[in-house]
Amino acid sequence: MPTHALAFIPSPPVSGVHLGPLFVHFYGLMYVIGIALAIYITRRRWGAVGGDPDLVQTIAL
């Protein structure tokens, strides 16, 4: 097998799903999940050191 064939990774055949009239791309969904998790983790950590967790949400929004 030639080495250049190992460097090629084909794109997946499906890039998202239809939710009613909207088309949700998987990469966009991952961005939203990542941002939500970052806010959640930061709220917990900020509250653990004595800060106001609501401040994190206010800044994030």
C-alpha atoms as a PDB file:
ATOM      1  CA  MET A   1       0.000   0.000   0.000  1.00  0.00           C
ATOM      2  CA  PRO A   2       1.469   3.391  -0.947  1.00  0.00           C
ATOM      3  CA  THR A   3       2.140   5.761   1.940  1.00  0.00           C
ATOM      4  CA  HIS A   4       0.182   8.631   0.335  1.00  0.00           C
ATOM      5  CA  ALA A   5      -3.012   6.544   0.538  1.00  0.00           C
ATOM      6  CA  LEU A   6      -2.726   6.540   4.342  1.00  0.00           C
ATOM      7  CA  ALA A   7      -2.740  10.349   4.432  1.00  0.00           C
ATOM      8  CA  PHE A   8      -6.202  10.553   2.836  1.00  0.00           C
ATOM      9  CA  ILE A   9      -9.218  10.507   5.153  1.00  0.00           C
ATOM     10  CA  PRO A  10     -12.487  10.862   3.271  1.00  0.00           C
ATOM     11  CA  SER A  11     -15.233  13.166   4.502  1.00  0.00           C
ATOM     12  CA  PRO A  12     -18.189  11.465   6.142  1.00  0.00           C
ATOM     13  CA  PRO A  13     -21.226  11.101   3.878  1.00  0.00           C
ATOM     14  CA  VAL A  14     -23.499  12.947   6.348  1.00  0.00           C
ATOM     15  CA  SER A  15     -22.646  16.369   7.786  1.00  0.00           C
ATOM     16  CA  GLY A  16     -25.766  17.042   9.839  1.00  0.00           C
ATOM     17  CA  VAL A  17     -29.425  16.344  10.470  1.00  0.00           C
ATOM     18  CA  HIS A  18     -32.701  18.022   9.593  1.00  0.00           C
ATOM     19  CA  LEU A  19     -34.753  19.209  12.559  1.00  0.00           C
ATOM     20  CA  GLY A  20     -37.947  20.408  10.991  1.00  0.00           C
ATOM     21  CA  PRO A  21     -37.045  23.216   8.593  1.00  0.00           C
ATOM     22  CA  LEU A  22     -33.543  23.605  10.092  1.00  0.00           C
ATOM     23  CA  PHE A  23     -30.393  21.759   9.080  1.00  0.00           C
ATOM     24  CA  VAL A  24     -28.062  21.314  12.058  1.00  0.00           C
ATOM     25  CA  HIS A  25     -24.427  20.676  11.177  1.00  0.00           C
ATOM     26  CA  PHE A  26     -22.551  18.338  13.513  1.00  0.00           C
ATOM     27  CA  TYR A  27     -19.585  20.699  13.867  1.00  0.00           C
ATOM     28  CA  GLY A  28     -21.923  23.541  14.893  1.00  0.00           C
ATOM     29  CA  LEU A  29     -23.587  21.293  17.435  1.00  0.00           C
ATOM     30  CA  MET A  30     -20.157  20.415  18.865  1.00  0.00           C
ATOM     31  CA  TYR A  31     -19.322  24.137  19.194  1.00  0.00           C
ATOM     32  CA  VAL A  32     -22.523  24.726  21.175  1.00  0.00           C
ATOM     33  CA  ILE A  33     -21.880  21.703  23.417  1.00  0.00           C
ATOM     34  CA  GLY A  34     -18.265  22.801  23.993  1.00  0.00           C
ATOM     35  CA  ILE A  35     -19.251  26.350  24.933  1.00  0.00           C
ATOM     36  CA  ALA A  36     -22.018  25.116  27.254  1.00  0.00           C
ATOM     37  CA  LEU A  37     -19.619  22.718  28.997  1.00  0.00           C
ATOM     38  CA  ALA A  38     -16.993  25.450  29.354  1.00  0.00           C
ATOM     39  CA  ILE A  39     -19.556  27.737  31.025  1.00  0.00           C
ATOM     40  CA  TYR A  40     -20.757  24.918  33.302  1.00  0.00           C
ATOM     41  CA  ILE A  41     -17.231  23.926  34.380  1.00  0.00           C
ATOM     42  CA  THR A  42     -16.182  27.539  34.887  1.00  0.00           C
ATOM     43  CA  ARG A  43     -19.271  28.243  37.034  1.00  0.00           C
ATOM     44  CA  ARG A  44     -18.455  25.260  39.271  1.00  0.00           C
ATOM     45  CA  ARG A  45     -14.787  26.178  39.607  1.00  0.00           C
ATOM     46  CA  TRP A  46     -15.507  29.874  40.204  1.00  0.00           C
ATOM     47  CA  GLY A  47     -18.091  28.975  42.864  1.00  0.00           C
ATOM     48  CA  ALA A  48     -15.621  26.599  44.551  1.00  0.00           C
ATOM     49  CA  VAL A  49     -13.124  29.422  45.129  1.00  0.00           C
ATOM     50  CA  GLY A  50     -15.807  31.702  46.572  1.00  0.00           C
ATOM     51  CA  GLY A  51     -16.884  33.628  43.497  1.00  0.00           C
ATOM     52  CA  ASP A  52     -20.417  34.277  42.299  1.00  0.00           C
ATOM     53  CA  PRO A  53     -21.286  31.616  39.682  1.00  0.00           C
ATOM     54  CA  ASP A  54     -23.905  33.903  38.122  1.00  0.00           C
ATOM     55  CA  LEU A  55     -21.115  36.289  37.153  1.00  0.00           C
ATOM     56  CA  VAL A  56     -19.681  33.659  34.778  1.00  0.00           C
ATOM     57  CA  GLN A  57     -23.017  33.289  32.988  1.00  0.00           C
ATOM     58  CA  THR A  58     -23.465  37.055  32.785  1.00  0.00           C
ATOM     59  CA  ILE A  59     -20.027  37.485  31.217  1.00  0.00           C
ATOM     60  CA  ALA A  60     -20.541  34.553  28.849  1.00  0.00           C
ATOM     61  CA  LEU A  61     -23.804  35.942  27.544  1.00  0.00           C
END
